[in-house]
Amino acid sequence: MNRARIVIESAAKSDIRAARDYYFDKGEQTCERFRDELTQVFDLLSRHPEAVSVAFGRTRLKPMRYFPYIIGYIYFEGAVHITGVQFGGLGWDEFERRQF
């Protein structure tokens, strides 16, 4: 089975660090659960990058199951480009601004 390569763009890396720091303050186990779920979502997107519908432009939005975050990504030339990992309450505006 071919897997798409996961590319985490710099803005998404910053988002992940901020979320990780937030959950670390809530407890190390919570932080680990967040990291584990994020890893699972990235694995799913690698295996099935087109399973999520395009929300706008070329951006697809995949919500996390147990944490209130949405992962924005663009599937392009065999790679999943993670453009953001945003708190779900912030809306889509930030995702629309983030292109690579």
PDB file of N, CA and C in Angstrom:
ATOM      1  N   MET A   1       0.840  -1.172   0.000  1.00  0.00           N
ATOM      2  CA  MET A   1       0.000   0.000   0.000  1.00  0.00           C
ATOM      3  C   MET A   1       0.893   1.246   0.000  1.00  0.00           C
ATOM      4  N   ASN A   2       0.648   2.129  -0.927  1.00  0.00           N
ATOM      5  CA  ASN A   2       1.398   3.383  -0.970  1.00  0.00           C
ATOM      6  C   ASN A   2       0.844   4.354   0.052  1.00  0.00           C
ATOM      7  N   ARG A   3       1.744   5.041   0.699  1.00  0.00           N
ATOM      8  CA  ARG A   3       1.351   6.065   1.662  1.00  0.00           C
ATOM      9  C   ARG A   3       1.828   7.414   1.165  1.00  0.00           C
ATOM     10  N   ALA A   4       1.004   8.411   1.418  1.00  0.00           N
ATOM     11  CA  ALA A   4       1.422   9.774   1.090  1.00  0.00           C
ATOM     12  C   ALA A   4       2.403  10.244   2.158  1.00  0.00           C
ATOM     13  N   ARG A   5       3.350  11.010   1.745  1.00  0.00           N
ATOM     14  CA  ARG A   5       4.316  11.594   2.672  1.00  0.00           C
ATOM     15  C   ARG A   5       3.628  12.727   3.435  1.00  0.00           C
ATOM     16  N   ILE A   6       3.917  12.844   4.726  1.00  0.00           N
ATOM     17  CA  ILE A   6       3.384  13.921   5.558  1.00  0.00           C
ATOM     18  C   ILE A   6       4.428  15.030   5.635  1.00  0.00           C
ATOM     19  N   VAL A   7       4.035  16.240   5.259  1.00  0.00           N
ATOM     20  CA  VAL A   7       4.901  17.413   5.339  1.00  0.00           C
ATOM     21  C   VAL A   7       4.216  18.399   6.278  1.00  0.00           C
ATOM     22  N   ILE A   8       4.861  18.713   7.379  1.00  0.00           N
ATOM     23  CA  ILE A   8       4.277  19.651   8.335  1.00  0.00           C
ATOM     24  C   ILE A   8       4.882  21.027   8.058  1.00  0.00           C
ATOM     25  N   GLU A   9       4.045  21.927   7.567  1.00  0.00           N
ATOM     26  CA  GLU A   9       4.502  23.279   7.238  1.00  0.00           C
ATOM     27  C   GLU A   9       4.842  24.038   8.524  1.00  0.00           C
ATOM     28  N   SER A  10       5.642  25.084   8.405  1.00  0.00           N
ATOM     29  CA  SER A  10       6.159  25.783   9.586  1.00  0.00           C
ATOM     30  C   SER A  10       5.049  26.362  10.465  1.00  0.00           C
ATOM     31  N   ALA A  11       4.006  26.905   9.875  1.00  0.00           N
ATOM     32  CA  ALA A  11       2.906  27.452  10.686  1.00  0.00           C
ATOM     33  C   ALA A  11       2.230  26.341  11.486  1.00  0.00           C
ATOM     34  N   ALA A  12       2.087  25.159  10.884  1.00  0.00           N
ATOM     35  CA  ALA A  12       1.481  24.025  11.587  1.00  0.00           C
ATOM     36  C   ALA A  12       2.381  23.543  12.718  1.00  0.00           C
ATOM     37  N   LYS A  13       3.689  23.577  12.498  1.00  0.00           N
ATOM     38  CA  LYS A  13       4.622  23.200  13.570  1.00  0.00           C
ATOM     39  C   LYS A  13       4.445  24.120  14.769  1.00  0.00           C
ATOM     40  N   SER A  14       4.277  25.395  14.500  1.00  0.00           N
ATOM     41  CA  SER A  14       4.044  26.359  15.571  1.00  0.00           C
ATOM     42  C   SER A  14       2.729  26.065  16.289  1.00  0.00           C
ATOM     43  N   ASP A  15       1.687  25.739  15.526  1.00  0.00           N
ATOM     44  CA  ASP A  15       0.387  25.377  16.114  1.00  0.00           C
ATOM     45  C   ASP A  15       0.530  24.172  17.034  1.00  0.00           C
ATOM     46  N   ILE A  16       1.267  23.172  16.575  1.00  0.00           N
ATOM     47  CA  ILE A  16       1.434  21.934  17.343  1.00  0.00           C
ATOM     48  C   ILE A  16       2.193  22.211  18.632  1.00  0.00           C
ATOM     49  N   ARG A  17       3.233  23.020  18.544  1.00  0.00           N
ATOM     50  CA  ARG A  17       3.980  23.378  19.758  1.00  0.00           C
ATOM     51  C   ARG A  17       3.085  24.098  20.763  1.00  0.00           C
ATOM     52  N   ALA A  18       2.262  25.027  20.287  1.00  0.00           N
ATOM     53  CA  ALA A  18       1.375  25.773  21.188  1.00  0.00           C
ATOM     54  C   ALA A  18       0.353  24.843  21.834  1.00  0.00           C
ATOM     55  N   ALA A  19      -0.217  23.932  21.068  1.00  0.00           N
ATOM     56  CA  ALA A  19      -1.192  22.988  21.621  1.00  0.00           C
ATOM     57  C   ALA A  19      -0.513  22.034  22.603  1.00  0.00           C
ATOM     58  N   ARG A  20       0.671  21.568  22.243  1.00  0.00           N
ATOM     59  CA  ARG A  20       1.415  20.678  23.132  1.00  0.00           C
ATOM     60  C   ARG A  20       1.719  21.370  24.460  1.00  0.00           C
ATOM     61  N   ASP A  21       2.150  22.616  24.402  1.00  0.00           N
ATOM     62  CA  ASP A  21       2.443  23.367  25.625  1.00  0.00           C
ATOM     63  C   ASP A  21       1.181  23.556  26.473  1.00  0.00           C
ATOM     64  N   TYR A  22       0.072  23.850  25.809  1.00  0.00           N
ATOM     65  CA  TYR A  22      -1.194  24.022  26.519  1.00  0.00           C
ATOM     66  C   TYR A  22      -1.573  22.736  27.250  1.00  0.00           C
ATOM     67  N   TYR A  23      -1.522  21.620  26.542  1.00  0.00           N
ATOM     68  CA  TYR A  23      -1.914  20.356  27.167  1.00  0.00           C
ATOM     69  C   TYR A  23      -0.885  19.863  28.178  1.00  0.00           C
ATOM     70  N   PHE A  24       0.371  20.213  28.002  1.00  0.00           N
ATOM     71  CA  PHE A  24       1.368  19.849  29.005  1.00  0.00           C
ATOM     72  C   PHE A  24       1.039  20.530  30.332  1.00  0.00           C
ATOM     73  N   ASP A  25       0.575  21.782  30.266  1.00  0.00           N
ATOM     74  CA  ASP A  25       0.165  22.489  31.481  1.00  0.00           C
ATOM     75  C   ASP A  25      -1.027  21.815  32.147  1.00  0.00           C
ATOM     76  N   LYS A  26      -1.823  21.082  31.375  1.00  0.00           N
ATOM     77  CA  LYS A  26      -2.976  20.352  31.912  1.00  0.00           C
ATOM     78  C   LYS A  26      -2.564  19.004  32.498  1.00  0.00           C
ATOM     79  N   GLY A  27      -1.375  18.570  32.170  1.00  0.00           N
ATOM     80  CA  GLY A  27      -0.864  17.296  32.679  1.00  0.00           C
ATOM     81  C   GLY A  27      -0.129  16.542  31.594  1.00  0.00           C
ATOM     82  N   GLU A  28       0.933  15.870  32.006  1.00  0.00           N
ATOM     83  CA  GLU A  28       1.766  15.158  31.037  1.00  0.00           C
ATOM     84  C   GLU A  28       0.980  14.077  30.295  1.00  0.00           C
ATOM     85  N   GLN A  29       0.079  13.383  30.990  1.00  0.00           N
ATOM     86  CA  GLN A  29      -0.715  12.343  30.327  1.00  0.00           C
ATOM     87  C   GLN A  29      -1.642  12.935  29.272  1.00  0.00           C
ATOM     88  N   THR A  30      -2.216  14.084  29.557  1.00  0.00           N
ATOM     89  CA  THR A  30      -3.082  14.747  28.578  1.00  0.00           C
ATOM     90  C   THR A  30      -2.274  15.138  27.352  1.00  0.00           C
ATOM     91  N   CYS A  31      -1.082  15.644  27.580  1.00  0.00           N
ATOM     92  CA  CYS A  31      -0.199  16.016  26.481  1.00  0.00           C
ATOM     93  C   CYS A  31       0.142  14.789  25.627  1.00  0.00           C
ATOM     94  N   GLU A  32       0.427  13.679  26.265  1.00  0.00           N
ATOM     95  CA  GLU A  32       0.743  12.443  25.544  1.00  0.00           C
ATOM     96  C   GLU A  32      -0.451  11.945  24.750  1.00  0.00           C
ATOM     97  N   ARG A  33      -1.657  12.058  25.313  1.00  0.00           N
ATOM     98  CA  ARG A  33      -2.862  11.636  24.592  1.00  0.00           C
ATOM     99  C   ARG A  33      -3.079  12.513  23.353  1.00  0.00           C
ATOM    100  N   PHE A  34      -2.839  13.818  23.512  1.00  0.00           N
ATOM    101  CA  PHE A  34      -2.954  14.721  22.363  1.00  0.00           C
ATOM    102  C   PHE A  34      -1.957  14.313  21.277  1.00  0.00           C
ATOM    103  N   ARG A  35      -0.709  14.108  21.663  1.00  0.00           N
ATOM    104  CA  ARG A  35       0.323  13.710  20.703  1.00  0.00           C
ATOM    105  C   ARG A  35      -0.036  12.392  20.015  1.00  0.00           C
ATOM    106  N   ASP A  36      -0.523  11.428  20.794  1.00  0.00           N
ATOM    107  CA  ASP A  36      -0.878  10.130  20.224  1.00  0.00           C
ATOM    108  C   ASP A  36      -2.019  10.248  19.216  1.00  0.00           C
ATOM    109  N   GLU A  37      -3.035  11.054  19.570  1.00  0.00           N
ATOM    110  CA  GLU A  37      -4.147  11.205  18.624  1.00  0.00           C
ATOM    111  C   GLU A  37      -3.692  11.936  17.368  1.00  0.00           C
ATOM    112  N   LEU A  38      -2.868  12.946  17.522  1.00  0.00           N
ATOM    113  CA  LEU A  38      -2.360  13.669  16.364  1.00  0.00           C
ATOM    114  C   LEU A  38      -1.576  12.727  15.448  1.00  0.00           C
ATOM    115  N   THR A  39      -0.760  11.874  16.031  1.00  0.00           N
ATOM    116  CA  THR A  39      -0.001  10.884  15.264  1.00  0.00           C
ATOM    117  C   THR A  39      -0.945   9.939  14.527  1.00  0.00           C
ATOM    118  N   GLN A  40      -2.007   9.513  15.191  1.00  0.00           N
ATOM    119  CA  GLN A  40      -2.981   8.627  14.553  1.00  0.00           C
ATOM    120  C   GLN A  40      -3.666   9.306  13.368  1.00  0.00           C
ATOM    121  N   VAL A  41      -4.018  10.579  13.528  1.00  0.00           N
ATOM    122  CA  VAL A  41      -4.652  11.304  12.428  1.00  0.00           C
ATOM    123  C   VAL A  41      -3.676  11.448  11.261  1.00  0.00           C
ATOM    124  N   PHE A  42      -2.430  11.791  11.547  1.00  0.00           N
ATOM    125  CA  PHE A  42      -1.431  11.900  10.477  1.00  0.00           C
ATOM    126  C   PHE A  42      -1.272  10.562   9.752  1.00  0.00           C
ATOM    127  N   ASP A  43      -1.279   9.468  10.494  1.00  0.00           N
ATOM    128  CA  ASP A  43      -1.177   8.137   9.876  1.00  0.00           C
ATOM    129  C   ASP A  43      -2.390   7.876   8.975  1.00  0.00           C
ATOM    130  N   LEU A  44      -3.570   8.217   9.453  1.00  0.00           N
ATOM    131  CA  LEU A  44      -4.785   8.042   8.657  1.00  0.00           C
ATOM    132  C   LEU A  44      -4.715   8.871   7.372  1.00  0.00           C
ATOM    133  N   LEU A  45      -4.298  10.128   7.496  1.00  0.00           N
ATOM    134  CA  LEU A  45      -4.199  10.987   6.318  1.00  0.00           C
ATOM    135  C   LEU A  45      -3.147  10.477   5.342  1.00  0.00           C
ATOM    136  N   SER A  46      -2.087   9.880   5.847  1.00  0.00           N
ATOM    137  CA  SER A  46      -1.058   9.303   4.995  1.00  0.00           C
ATOM    138  C   SER A  46      -1.612   8.129   4.182  1.00  0.00           C
ATOM    139  N   ARG A  47      -2.460   7.342   4.826  1.00  0.00           N
ATOM    140  CA  ARG A  47      -3.035   6.171   4.150  1.00  0.00           C
ATOM    141  C   ARG A  47      -4.208   6.521   3.240  1.00  0.00           C
ATOM    142  N   HIS A  48      -4.999   7.534   3.632  1.00  0.00           N
ATOM    143  CA  HIS A  48      -6.218   7.885   2.885  1.00  0.00           C
ATOM    144  C   HIS A  48      -6.337   9.406   2.748  1.00  0.00           C
ATOM    145  N   PRO A  49      -5.441  10.035   2.013  1.00  0.00           N
ATOM    146  CA  PRO A  49      -5.420  11.503   1.970  1.00  0.00           C
ATOM    147  C   PRO A  49      -6.644  12.136   1.321  1.00  0.00           C
ATOM    148  N   GLU A  50      -7.327  11.401   0.469  1.00  0.00           N
ATOM    149  CA  GLU A  50      -8.481  11.979  -0.219  1.00  0.00           C
ATOM    150  C   GLU A  50      -9.812  11.587   0.417  1.00  0.00           C
ATOM    151  N   ALA A  51      -9.762  10.951   1.584  1.00  0.00           N
ATOM    152  CA  ALA A  51     -10.992  10.530   2.260  1.00  0.00           C
ATOM    153  C   ALA A  51     -11.770  11.702   2.836  1.00  0.00           C
ATOM    154  N   VAL A  52     -11.097  12.812   3.067  1.00  0.00           N
ATOM    155  CA  VAL A  52     -11.728  14.010   3.614  1.00  0.00           C
ATOM    156  C   VAL A  52     -12.047  14.944   2.453  1.00  0.00           C
ATOM    157  N   SER A  53     -13.263  15.468   2.430  1.00  0.00           N
ATOM    158  CA  SER A  53     -13.676  16.369   1.352  1.00  0.00           C
ATOM    159  C   SER A  53     -12.929  17.701   1.424  1.00  0.00           C
ATOM    160  N   VAL A  54     -12.801  18.327   0.270  1.00  0.00           N
ATOM    161  CA  VAL A  54     -12.209  19.665   0.209  1.00  0.00           C
ATOM    162  C   VAL A  54     -13.214  20.639   0.818  1.00  0.00           C
ATOM    163  N   ALA A  55     -12.752  21.454   1.753  1.00  0.00           N
ATOM    164  CA  ALA A  55     -13.622  22.422   2.416  1.00  0.00           C
ATOM    165  C   ALA A  55     -13.669  23.733   1.628  1.00  0.00           C
ATOM    166  N   PHE A  56     -12.516  24.185   1.130  1.00  0.00           N
ATOM    167  CA  PHE A  56     -12.417  25.402   0.321  1.00  0.00           C
ATOM    168  C   PHE A  56     -11.079  25.383  -0.390  1.00  0.00           C
ATOM    169  N   GLY A  57     -11.031  25.976  -1.573  1.00  0.00           N
ATOM    170  CA  GLY A  57      -9.789  25.960  -2.352  1.00  0.00           C
ATOM    171  C   GLY A  57      -9.306  24.535  -2.524  1.00  0.00           C
ATOM    172  N   ARG A  58      -8.114  24.254  -2.034  1.00  0.00           N
ATOM    173  CA  ARG A  58      -7.583  22.885  -2.030  1.00  0.00           C
ATOM    174  C   ARG A  58      -7.482  22.337  -0.620  1.00  0.00           C
ATOM    175  N   THR A  59      -7.909  23.108   0.366  1.00  0.00           N
ATOM    176  CA  THR A  59      -7.745  22.743   1.771  1.00  0.00           C
ATOM    177  C   THR A  59      -8.838  21.789   2.241  1.00  0.00           C
ATOM    178  N   ARG A  60      -8.397  20.770   2.936  1.00  0.00           N
ATOM    179  CA  ARG A  60      -9.289  19.793   3.568  1.00  0.00           C
ATOM    180  C   ARG A  60      -9.153  19.968   5.077  1.00  0.00           C
ATOM    181  N   LEU A  61     -10.230  19.748   5.799  1.00  0.00           N
ATOM    182  CA  LEU A  61     -10.228  19.927   7.254  1.00  0.00           C
ATOM    183  C   LEU A  61     -10.644  18.642   7.936  1.00  0.00           C
ATOM    184  N   LYS A  62      -9.764  18.118   8.772  1.00  0.00           N
ATOM    185  CA  LYS A  62     -10.029  16.870   9.494  1.00  0.00           C
ATOM    186  C   LYS A  62     -10.072  17.165  10.990  1.00  0.00           C
ATOM    187  N   PRO A  63     -11.247  17.036  11.614  1.00  0.00           N
ATOM    188  CA  PRO A  63     -11.301  17.257  13.064  1.00  0.00           C
ATOM    189  C   PRO A  63     -10.682  16.089  13.822  1.00  0.00           C
ATOM    190  N   MET A  64     -10.083  16.425  14.949  1.00  0.00           N
ATOM    191  CA  MET A  64      -9.604  15.371  15.843  1.00  0.00           C
ATOM    192  C   MET A  64     -10.823  14.832  16.590  1.00  0.00           C
ATOM    193  N   ARG A  65     -10.716  13.612  17.037  1.00  0.00           N
ATOM    194  CA  ARG A  65     -11.866  12.977  17.676  1.00  0.00           C
ATOM    195  C   ARG A  65     -12.044  13.386  19.141  1.00  0.00           C
ATOM    196  N   TYR A  66     -10.969  13.399  19.903  1.00  0.00           N
ATOM    197  CA  TYR A  66     -11.080  13.609  21.342  1.00  0.00           C
ATOM    198  C   TYR A  66     -10.596  14.976  21.815  1.00  0.00           C
ATOM    199  N   PHE A  67     -10.027  15.747  20.923  1.00  0.00           N
ATOM    200  CA  PHE A  67      -9.550  17.082  21.268  1.00  0.00           C
ATOM    201  C   PHE A  67     -10.206  18.069  20.312  1.00  0.00           C
ATOM    202  N   PRO A  68     -10.496  19.286  20.769  1.00  0.00           N
ATOM    203  CA  PRO A  68     -11.239  20.238  19.928  1.00  0.00           C
ATOM    204  C   PRO A  68     -10.352  20.971  18.919  1.00  0.00           C
ATOM    205  N   TYR A  69      -9.629  20.208  18.127  1.00  0.00           N
ATOM    206  CA  TYR A  69      -8.728  20.779  17.125  1.00  0.00           C
ATOM    207  C   TYR A  69      -9.094  20.262  15.745  1.00  0.00           C
ATOM    208  N   ILE A  70      -8.796  21.102  14.757  1.00  0.00           N
ATOM    209  CA  ILE A  70      -9.014  20.748  13.356  1.00  0.00           C
ATOM    210  C   ILE A  70      -7.670  20.797  12.650  1.00  0.00           C
ATOM    211  N   ILE A  71      -7.409  19.780  11.854  1.00  0.00           N
ATOM    212  CA  ILE A  71      -6.166  19.709  11.088  1.00  0.00           C
ATOM    213  C   ILE A  71      -6.487  20.124   9.652  1.00  0.00           C
ATOM    214  N   GLY A  72      -5.828  21.172   9.205  1.00  0.00           N
ATOM    215  CA  GLY A  72      -5.985  21.621   7.829  1.00  0.00           C
ATOM    216  C   GLY A  72      -4.835  21.079   7.000  1.00  0.00           C
ATOM    217  N   TYR A  73      -5.172  20.586   5.816  1.00  0.00           N
ATOM    218  CA  TYR A  73      -4.108  20.053   4.956  1.00  0.00           C
ATOM    219  C   TYR A  73      -4.482  20.166   3.490  1.00  0.00           C
ATOM    220  N   ILE A  74      -3.455  20.115   2.679  1.00  0.00           N
ATOM    221  CA  ILE A  74      -3.602  20.105   1.230  1.00  0.00           C
ATOM    222  C   ILE A  74      -2.898  18.862   0.720  1.00  0.00           C
ATOM    223  N   TYR A  75      -3.612  18.066  -0.066  1.00  0.00           N
ATOM    224  CA  TYR A  75      -3.009  16.889  -0.689  1.00  0.00           C
ATOM    225  C   TYR A  75      -2.546  17.305  -2.076  1.00  0.00           C
ATOM    226  N   PHE A  76      -1.230  17.251  -2.292  1.00  0.00           N
ATOM    227  CA  PHE A  76      -0.656  17.782  -3.514  1.00  0.00           C
ATOM    228  C   PHE A  76       0.557  16.945  -3.908  1.00  0.00           C
ATOM    229  N   GLU A  77       0.555  16.454  -5.118  1.00  0.00           N
ATOM    230  CA  GLU A  77       1.669  15.695  -5.686  1.00  0.00           C
ATOM    231  C   GLU A  77       2.141  14.564  -4.767  1.00  0.00           C
ATOM    232  N   GLY A  78       1.204  13.795  -4.258  1.00  0.00           N
ATOM    233  CA  GLY A  78       1.539  12.629  -3.461  1.00  0.00           C
ATOM    234  C   GLY A  78       1.943  12.903  -2.028  1.00  0.00           C
ATOM    235  N   ALA A  79       1.793  14.142  -1.577  1.00  0.00           N
ATOM    236  CA  ALA A  79       2.156  14.484  -0.202  1.00  0.00           C
ATOM    237  C   ALA A  79       0.994  15.203   0.483  1.00  0.00           C
ATOM    238  N   VAL A  80       0.863  14.952   1.768  1.00  0.00           N
ATOM    239  CA  VAL A  80      -0.117  15.637   2.600  1.00  0.00           C
ATOM    240  C   VAL A  80       0.622  16.778   3.291  1.00  0.00           C
ATOM    241  N   HIS A  81       0.287  18.003   2.921  1.00  0.00           N
ATOM    242  CA  HIS A  81       0.917  19.184   3.501  1.00  0.00           C
ATOM    243  C   HIS A  81       0.011  19.697   4.617  1.00  0.00           C
ATOM    244  N   ILE A  82       0.449  19.510   5.856  1.00  0.00           N
ATOM    245  CA  ILE A  82      -0.315  19.970   7.011  1.00  0.00           C
ATOM    246  C   ILE A  82      -0.090  21.476   7.113  1.00  0.00           C
ATOM    247  N   THR A  83      -1.153  22.255   6.940  1.00  0.00           N
ATOM    248  CA  THR A  83      -1.032  23.714   6.950  1.00  0.00           C
ATOM    249  C   THR A  83      -1.417  24.316   8.296  1.00  0.00           C
ATOM    250  N   GLY A  84      -2.109  23.560   9.120  1.00  0.00           N
ATOM    251  CA  GLY A  84      -2.483  24.097  10.418  1.00  0.00           C
ATOM    252  C   GLY A  84      -3.104  23.055  11.321  1.00  0.00           C
ATOM    253  N   VAL A  85      -2.967  23.274  12.611  1.00  0.00           N
ATOM    254  CA  VAL A  85      -3.616  22.469  13.649  1.00  0.00           C
ATOM    255  C   VAL A  85      -4.223  23.500  14.596  1.00  0.00           C
ATOM    256  N   GLN A  86      -5.483  23.821  14.365  1.00  0.00           N
ATOM    257  CA  GLN A  86      -6.121  24.945  15.038  1.00  0.00           C
ATOM    258  C   GLN A  86      -7.230  24.494  15.979  1.00  0.00           C
ATOM    259  N   PHE A  87      -7.370  25.240  17.063  1.00  0.00           N
ATOM    260  CA  PHE A  87      -8.494  25.045  17.972  1.00  0.00           C
ATOM    261  C   PHE A  87      -9.772  25.230  17.168  1.00  0.00           C
ATOM    262  N   GLY A  88     -10.693  24.306  17.292  1.00  0.00           N
ATOM    263  CA  GLY A  88     -11.905  24.303  16.477  1.00  0.00           C
ATOM    264  C   GLY A  88     -12.771  25.538  16.608  1.00  0.00           C
ATOM    265  N   GLY A  89     -12.709  26.222  17.732  1.00  0.00           N
ATOM    266  CA  GLY A  89     -13.530  27.399  17.934  1.00  0.00           C
ATOM    267  C   GLY A  89     -13.041  28.641  17.205  1.00  0.00           C
ATOM    268  N   LEU A  90     -11.877  28.569  16.566  1.00  0.00           N
ATOM    269  CA  LEU A  90     -11.317  29.752  15.911  1.00  0.00           C
ATOM    270  C   LEU A  90     -11.890  30.001  14.527  1.00  0.00           C
ATOM    271  N   GLY A  91     -12.587  29.046  13.962  1.00  0.00           N
ATOM    272  CA  GLY A  91     -13.129  29.216  12.622  1.00  0.00           C
ATOM    273  C   GLY A  91     -12.113  28.865  11.548  1.00  0.00           C
ATOM    274  N   TRP A  92     -12.490  29.082  10.303  1.00  0.00           N
ATOM    275  CA  TRP A  92     -11.687  28.654   9.170  1.00  0.00           C
ATOM    276  C   TRP A  92     -10.809  29.749   8.595  1.00  0.00           C
ATOM    277  N   ASP A  93     -10.957  30.973   9.068  1.00  0.00           N
ATOM    278  CA  ASP A  93     -10.220  32.087   8.464  1.00  0.00           C
ATOM    279  C   ASP A  93      -8.722  31.841   8.411  1.00  0.00           C
ATOM    280  N   GLU A  94      -8.169  31.329   9.490  1.00  0.00           N
ATOM    281  CA  GLU A  94      -6.722  31.093   9.527  1.00  0.00           C
ATOM    282  C   GLU A  94      -6.309  30.051   8.492  1.00  0.00           C
ATOM    283  N   PHE A  95      -7.121  29.021   8.312  1.00  0.00           N
ATOM    284  CA  PHE A  95      -6.799  27.998   7.311  1.00  0.00           C
ATOM    285  C   PHE A  95      -6.830  28.589   5.898  1.00  0.00           C
ATOM    286  N   GLU A  96      -7.776  29.483   5.654  1.00  0.00           N
ATOM    287  CA  GLU A  96      -7.872  30.083   4.335  1.00  0.00           C
ATOM    288  C   GLU A  96      -6.655  30.935   3.999  1.00  0.00           C
ATOM    289  N   ARG A  97      -6.039  31.538   5.003  1.00  0.00           N
ATOM    290  CA  ARG A  97      -4.849  32.363   4.787  1.00  0.00           C
ATOM    291  C   ARG A  97      -3.595  31.517   4.574  1.00  0.00           C
ATOM    292  N   ARG A  98      -3.626  30.294   5.024  1.00  0.00           N
ATOM    293  CA  ARG A  98      -2.418  29.453   4.982  1.00  0.00           C
ATOM    294  C   ARG A  98      -2.384  28.599   3.718  1.00  0.00           C
ATOM    295  N   GLN A  99      -1.531  28.967   2.845  1.00  0.00           N
ATOM    296  CA  GLN A  99      -1.249  28.168   1.654  1.00  0.00           C
ATOM    297  C   GLN A  99       0.254  27.944   1.647  1.00  0.00           C
ATOM    298  N   PHE A 100       0.710  27.024   0.897  1.00  0.00           N
ATOM    299  CA  PHE A 100       2.159  26.813   0.828  1.00  0.00           C
ATOM    300  C   PHE A 100       2.628  27.050  -0.584  1.00  0.00           C
TER     301      PHE A 100
END
